[in-house]
């Protein structure tokens, strides 16, 4: 596997995960009531707990996205 193939792989991973992060953030910002109503049908959870969990997972995903997608892509672009 060469550097160009690896760079392309991380580029597409970054694009796809970035879209997922944007959609997830958009859902949290624009339609939180719809997301809460949908999830509360399956799980018995208070609104405050739901907001805390949703925000926590969003932050965790953002950190994982940066560490495992963006940073390796930048490193490959620098050395490539």
N, C-alpha and C. Protein backbone atom coordinates (compact mmCIF):
# COMPACT_ATOMS: atom_id res chain seq x y z
N UNK A 1 0.85 -1.17 0.00
CA UNK A 1 0.00 0.00 0.00
C UNK A 1 0.90 1.24 0.00
N UNK A 2 0.63 2.15 -0.90
CA UNK A 2 1.46 3.35 -0.98
C UNK A 2 0.80 4.53 -0.26
N UNK A 3 1.52 5.62 -0.19
CA UNK A 3 1.05 6.79 0.56
C UNK A 3 -0.18 7.41 -0.11
N UNK A 4 -0.22 7.40 -1.43
CA UNK A 4 -1.37 7.99 -2.14
C UNK A 4 -2.67 7.23 -1.83
N UNK A 5 -2.59 5.91 -1.80
CA UNK A 5 -3.77 5.10 -1.48
C UNK A 5 -4.22 5.34 -0.05
N UNK A 6 -3.27 5.39 0.86
CA UNK A 6 -3.59 5.64 2.26
C UNK A 6 -4.17 7.04 2.45
N UNK A 7 -3.62 8.01 1.75
CA UNK A 7 -4.14 9.38 1.84
C UNK A 7 -5.56 9.45 1.31
N UNK A 8 -5.83 8.78 0.22
CA UNK A 8 -7.17 8.75 -0.34
C UNK A 8 -8.15 8.06 0.61
N UNK A 9 -7.71 6.98 1.24
CA UNK A 9 -8.53 6.29 2.23
C UNK A 9 -8.91 7.23 3.37
N UNK A 10 -7.93 7.91 3.95
CA UNK A 10 -8.21 8.81 5.07
C UNK A 10 -9.00 10.04 4.63
N UNK A 11 -8.84 10.45 3.38
CA UNK A 11 -9.63 11.56 2.86
C UNK A 11 -11.11 11.19 2.84
N UNK A 12 -11.42 10.00 2.31
CA UNK A 12 -12.81 9.57 2.26
C UNK A 12 -13.38 9.28 3.65
N UNK A 13 -12.56 8.74 4.53
CA UNK A 13 -13.01 8.53 5.92
C UNK A 13 -13.35 9.86 6.57
N UNK A 14 -12.51 10.86 6.34
CA UNK A 14 -12.74 12.18 6.91
C UNK A 14 -14.00 12.82 6.33
N UNK A 15 -14.21 12.69 5.04
CA UNK A 15 -15.40 13.26 4.41
C UNK A 15 -16.67 12.59 4.94
N UNK A 16 -16.70 11.28 4.95
CA UNK A 16 -17.90 10.56 5.39
C UNK A 16 -18.19 10.78 6.87
N UNK A 17 -17.16 10.71 7.70
CA UNK A 17 -17.38 10.95 9.12
C UNK A 17 -17.69 12.41 9.41
N UNK A 18 -17.16 13.32 8.61
CA UNK A 18 -17.50 14.74 8.76
C UNK A 18 -18.96 15.00 8.43
N UNK A 19 -19.47 14.34 7.40
CA UNK A 19 -20.89 14.45 7.06
C UNK A 19 -21.75 13.90 8.19
N UNK A 20 -21.36 12.75 8.72
CA UNK A 20 -22.10 12.16 9.84
C UNK A 20 -22.09 13.09 11.05
N UNK A 21 -20.95 13.68 11.36
CA UNK A 21 -20.86 14.62 12.47
C UNK A 21 -21.73 15.85 12.23
N UNK A 22 -21.75 16.36 11.01
CA UNK A 22 -22.58 17.52 10.68
C UNK A 22 -24.06 17.19 10.80
N UNK A 23 -24.47 16.01 10.32
CA UNK A 23 -25.87 15.61 10.44
C UNK A 23 -26.29 15.44 11.90
N UNK A 24 -25.42 14.82 12.67
CA UNK A 24 -25.69 14.60 14.09
C UNK A 24 -25.79 15.93 14.82
N UNK A 25 -24.88 16.85 14.53
CA UNK A 25 -24.91 18.17 15.15
C UNK A 25 -26.16 18.93 14.72
N UNK A 26 -26.51 18.82 13.44
CA UNK A 26 -27.71 19.47 12.94
C UNK A 26 -28.97 18.95 13.62
N UNK A 27 -29.03 17.66 13.84
CA UNK A 27 -30.17 17.07 14.54
C UNK A 27 -30.25 17.60 15.97
N UNK A 28 -29.10 17.74 16.62
CA UNK A 28 -29.07 18.23 18.00
C UNK A 28 -29.46 19.70 18.07
N UNK A 29 -29.13 20.47 17.04
CA UNK A 29 -29.41 21.90 17.05
C UNK A 29 -30.84 22.21 16.57
N UNK A 30 -31.26 21.58 15.45
CA UNK A 30 -32.49 21.99 14.79
C UNK A 30 -33.73 21.16 15.16
N UNK A 31 -33.59 19.89 15.44
CA UNK A 31 -34.76 19.06 15.74
C UNK A 31 -34.54 18.19 16.99
N UNK A 32 -34.13 18.77 18.11
CA UNK A 32 -33.87 17.93 19.29
C UNK A 32 -35.15 17.29 19.84
N UNK A 33 -36.30 17.96 19.70
CA UNK A 33 -37.54 17.38 20.21
C UNK A 33 -37.93 16.13 19.44
N UNK A 34 -37.76 16.15 18.12
CA UNK A 34 -38.06 14.99 17.30
C UNK A 34 -37.16 13.81 17.67
N UNK A 35 -35.89 14.08 17.85
CA UNK A 35 -34.95 13.01 18.21
C UNK A 35 -35.30 12.45 19.59
N UNK A 36 -35.62 13.35 20.54
CA UNK A 36 -35.98 12.89 21.88
C UNK A 36 -37.26 12.05 21.85
N UNK A 37 -38.28 12.51 21.13
CA UNK A 37 -39.54 11.75 21.06
C UNK A 37 -39.31 10.38 20.44
N UNK A 38 -38.48 10.31 19.41
CA UNK A 38 -38.20 9.03 18.76
C UNK A 38 -37.49 8.08 19.72
N UNK A 39 -36.49 8.57 20.41
CA UNK A 39 -35.73 7.72 21.32
C UNK A 39 -36.49 7.37 22.59
N UNK A 40 -37.34 8.29 23.07
CA UNK A 40 -38.07 8.02 24.31
C UNK A 40 -39.15 6.95 24.11
N UNK A 41 -39.50 6.65 22.88
CA UNK A 41 -40.42 5.53 22.64
C UNK A 41 -39.77 4.20 22.97
N UNK A 42 -38.47 4.12 22.76
CA UNK A 42 -37.75 2.87 23.00
C UNK A 42 -37.12 2.79 24.38
N UNK A 43 -36.68 3.94 24.90
CA UNK A 43 -35.97 3.96 26.17
C UNK A 43 -36.65 4.95 27.12
N UNK A 44 -36.84 4.53 28.34
CA UNK A 44 -37.40 5.41 29.35
C UNK A 44 -36.29 6.28 29.91
N UNK A 45 -36.29 7.57 29.50
CA UNK A 45 -35.21 8.47 29.88
C UNK A 45 -35.78 9.88 29.99
N UNK A 46 -35.27 10.63 30.94
CA UNK A 46 -35.72 12.01 31.09
C UNK A 46 -35.07 12.89 30.02
N UNK A 47 -35.66 14.04 29.78
CA UNK A 47 -35.14 14.95 28.76
C UNK A 47 -33.74 15.46 29.14
N UNK A 48 -33.54 15.77 30.41
CA UNK A 48 -32.21 16.25 30.84
C UNK A 48 -31.14 15.19 30.65
N UNK A 49 -31.46 13.95 31.00
CA UNK A 49 -30.50 12.86 30.81
C UNK A 49 -30.22 12.63 29.33
N UNK A 50 -31.26 12.71 28.53
CA UNK A 50 -31.09 12.53 27.09
C UNK A 50 -30.18 13.60 26.52
N UNK A 51 -30.41 14.85 26.88
CA UNK A 51 -29.56 15.94 26.38
C UNK A 51 -28.11 15.75 26.79
N UNK A 52 -27.90 15.35 28.03
CA UNK A 52 -26.54 15.14 28.53
C UNK A 52 -25.84 14.00 27.78
N UNK A 53 -26.54 12.89 27.60
CA UNK A 53 -25.96 11.75 26.88
C UNK A 53 -25.70 12.08 25.42
N UNK A 54 -26.66 12.73 24.77
CA UNK A 54 -26.54 13.10 23.37
C UNK A 54 -25.36 14.04 23.16
N UNK A 55 -25.25 15.04 24.02
CA UNK A 55 -24.15 16.00 23.92
C UNK A 55 -22.81 15.33 24.22
N UNK A 56 -22.79 14.43 25.20
CA UNK A 56 -21.56 13.72 25.54
C UNK A 56 -21.06 12.85 24.40
N UNK A 57 -21.97 12.09 23.77
CA UNK A 57 -21.58 11.26 22.64
C UNK A 57 -21.16 12.10 21.44
N UNK A 58 -21.80 13.25 21.26
CA UNK A 58 -21.42 14.14 20.17
C UNK A 58 -20.00 14.66 20.38
N UNK A 59 -19.67 15.04 21.60
CA UNK A 59 -18.31 15.48 21.92
C UNK A 59 -17.30 14.36 21.76
N UNK A 60 -17.65 13.17 22.21
CA UNK A 60 -16.76 12.01 22.07
C UNK A 60 -16.50 11.70 20.61
N UNK A 61 -17.56 11.73 19.79
CA UNK A 61 -17.41 11.44 18.37
C UNK A 61 -16.53 12.49 17.69
N UNK A 62 -16.68 13.75 18.11
CA UNK A 62 -15.87 14.81 17.52
C UNK A 62 -14.38 14.60 17.84
N UNK A 63 -14.08 14.22 19.06
CA UNK A 63 -12.69 13.97 19.44
C UNK A 63 -12.13 12.77 18.67
N UNK A 64 -12.89 11.69 18.59
CA UNK A 64 -12.46 10.51 17.86
C UNK A 64 -12.29 10.84 16.37
N UNK A 65 -13.19 11.64 15.82
CA UNK A 65 -13.10 12.06 14.43
C UNK A 65 -11.80 12.83 14.18
N UNK A 66 -11.48 13.76 15.05
CA UNK A 66 -10.26 14.54 14.88
C UNK A 66 -9.00 13.68 15.02
N UNK A 67 -8.98 12.83 16.04
CA UNK A 67 -7.78 12.04 16.33
C UNK A 67 -7.54 10.94 15.30
N UNK A 68 -8.60 10.26 14.88
CA UNK A 68 -8.42 9.10 14.02
C UNK A 68 -8.67 9.35 12.53
N UNK A 69 -9.18 10.53 12.16
CA UNK A 69 -9.42 10.82 10.75
C UNK A 69 -8.63 12.03 10.28
N UNK A 70 -8.82 13.15 10.94
CA UNK A 70 -8.22 14.40 10.47
C UNK A 70 -6.71 14.42 10.68
N UNK A 71 -6.25 14.05 11.87
CA UNK A 71 -4.81 14.10 12.15
C UNK A 71 -4.02 13.15 11.25
N UNK A 72 -4.44 11.88 11.07
CA UNK A 72 -3.68 11.04 10.13
C UNK A 72 -3.71 11.57 8.70
N UNK A 73 -4.84 12.14 8.27
CA UNK A 73 -4.90 12.72 6.94
C UNK A 73 -3.92 13.87 6.80
N UNK A 74 -3.89 14.75 7.78
CA UNK A 74 -2.94 15.87 7.73
C UNK A 74 -1.49 15.38 7.72
N UNK A 75 -1.20 14.37 8.53
CA UNK A 75 0.16 13.83 8.55
C UNK A 75 0.54 13.23 7.20
N UNK A 76 -0.38 12.52 6.58
CA UNK A 76 -0.09 11.94 5.27
C UNK A 76 0.06 13.03 4.19
N UNK A 77 -0.73 14.07 4.29
CA UNK A 77 -0.60 15.17 3.34
C UNK A 77 0.74 15.89 3.50
N UNK A 78 1.21 16.00 4.74
CA UNK A 78 2.49 16.66 4.99
C UNK A 78 3.65 15.83 4.44
N UNK A 79 3.62 14.51 4.71
CA UNK A 79 4.76 13.71 4.27
C UNK A 79 4.65 13.29 2.80
N UNK A 80 3.44 13.38 2.21
CA UNK A 80 3.24 12.94 0.84
C UNK A 80 3.69 14.00 -0.11
